[in-house]
């Protein structure tokens, strides 16, 4: 799971980020500020999209917030 890896459960035991309690669900999912898990996906195998469903908690609507970043492979 990505949250555990970012918190130090990785081969180098490096803590990359410390999350505030309200951003992590009981299942250790990374949530947006409205409590909805982020959608994280690989786009055409060369980019990563991280998307928040926004205030209405529905993906694919006008209030979604997202970032697309290149993958370094």
Protein backbone atom coordinates (compact mmCIF):
# COMPACT_ATOMS: atom_id res chain seq x y z
CA UNK A 1 0.00 0.00 0.00
CA UNK A 2 1.35 3.41 -0.95
CA UNK A 3 0.69 5.06 2.43
CA UNK A 4 2.76 2.48 4.30
CA UNK A 5 5.61 2.83 1.82
CA UNK A 6 5.60 6.62 2.16
CA UNK A 7 5.57 6.28 5.96
CA UNK A 8 8.76 4.19 5.95
CA UNK A 9 7.70 0.61 5.15
CA UNK A 10 10.09 0.51 2.19
CA UNK A 11 13.48 -1.13 1.54
CA UNK A 12 15.47 1.90 2.76
CA UNK A 13 13.11 2.50 5.73
CA UNK A 14 13.00 6.13 4.64
CA UNK A 15 10.05 8.20 5.86
CA UNK A 16 9.04 10.27 2.84
CA UNK A 17 5.98 11.96 4.30
CA UNK A 18 4.12 12.06 7.60
CA UNK A 19 0.36 12.24 7.18
CA UNK A 20 -2.09 14.02 9.49
CA UNK A 21 -4.47 11.59 11.16
CA UNK A 22 -7.55 13.02 9.42
CA UNK A 23 -6.01 12.27 5.99
CA UNK A 24 -5.72 8.51 6.57
CA UNK A 25 -8.71 6.16 6.85
CA UNK A 26 -8.87 3.19 9.22
CA UNK A 27 -7.88 1.04 6.23
CA UNK A 28 -4.76 3.23 5.77
CA UNK A 29 -6.13 4.81 2.59
CA UNK A 30 -4.98 8.32 1.72
CA UNK A 31 -8.01 10.64 1.84
CA UNK A 32 -8.66 14.12 0.52
CA UNK A 33 -9.83 16.88 2.85
CA UNK A 34 -13.46 15.72 2.49
CA UNK A 35 -12.67 12.16 3.61
CA UNK A 36 -12.81 10.50 0.19
CA UNK A 37 -9.91 8.23 -0.85
CA UNK A 38 -7.78 9.67 -3.65
CA UNK A 39 -7.94 7.98 -7.03
CA UNK A 40 -4.39 7.11 -8.07
CA UNK A 41 -3.82 5.59 -11.49
CA UNK A 42 -1.24 5.24 -14.21
CA UNK A 43 -2.20 7.13 -17.38
CA UNK A 44 -0.86 5.71 -20.69
CA UNK A 45 1.90 3.93 -18.73
CA UNK A 46 4.03 7.05 -18.55
CA UNK A 47 2.14 9.37 -16.21
CA UNK A 48 0.50 9.11 -12.80
CA UNK A 49 -2.81 10.81 -12.04
CA UNK A 50 -3.82 11.63 -8.47
CA UNK A 51 -7.43 12.82 -8.25
CA UNK A 52 -9.64 14.13 -5.47
CA UNK A 53 -13.40 13.75 -5.91
CA UNK A 54 -13.80 17.22 -4.43
CA UNK A 55 -16.39 18.64 -2.09
CA UNK A 56 -19.28 16.67 -3.67
CA UNK A 57 -17.36 13.37 -3.14
CA UNK A 58 -18.15 12.22 -6.71
CA UNK A 59 -15.45 11.56 -9.28
CA UNK A 60 -15.93 13.01 -12.75
CA UNK A 61 -17.63 16.24 -11.72
CA UNK A 62 -16.55 19.87 -12.06
CA UNK A 63 -15.15 20.16 -8.54
CA UNK A 64 -12.59 17.35 -8.96
CA UNK A 65 -9.02 18.40 -8.31
CA UNK A 66 -6.17 16.45 -9.88
CA UNK A 67 -2.54 16.40 -10.86
CA UNK A 68 -0.85 14.41 -13.62
CA UNK A 69 2.87 13.88 -13.24
CA UNK A 70 5.38 12.00 -15.44
CA UNK A 71 6.68 8.69 -14.16
CA UNK A 72 10.44 8.41 -14.01
CA UNK A 73 11.24 4.89 -15.17
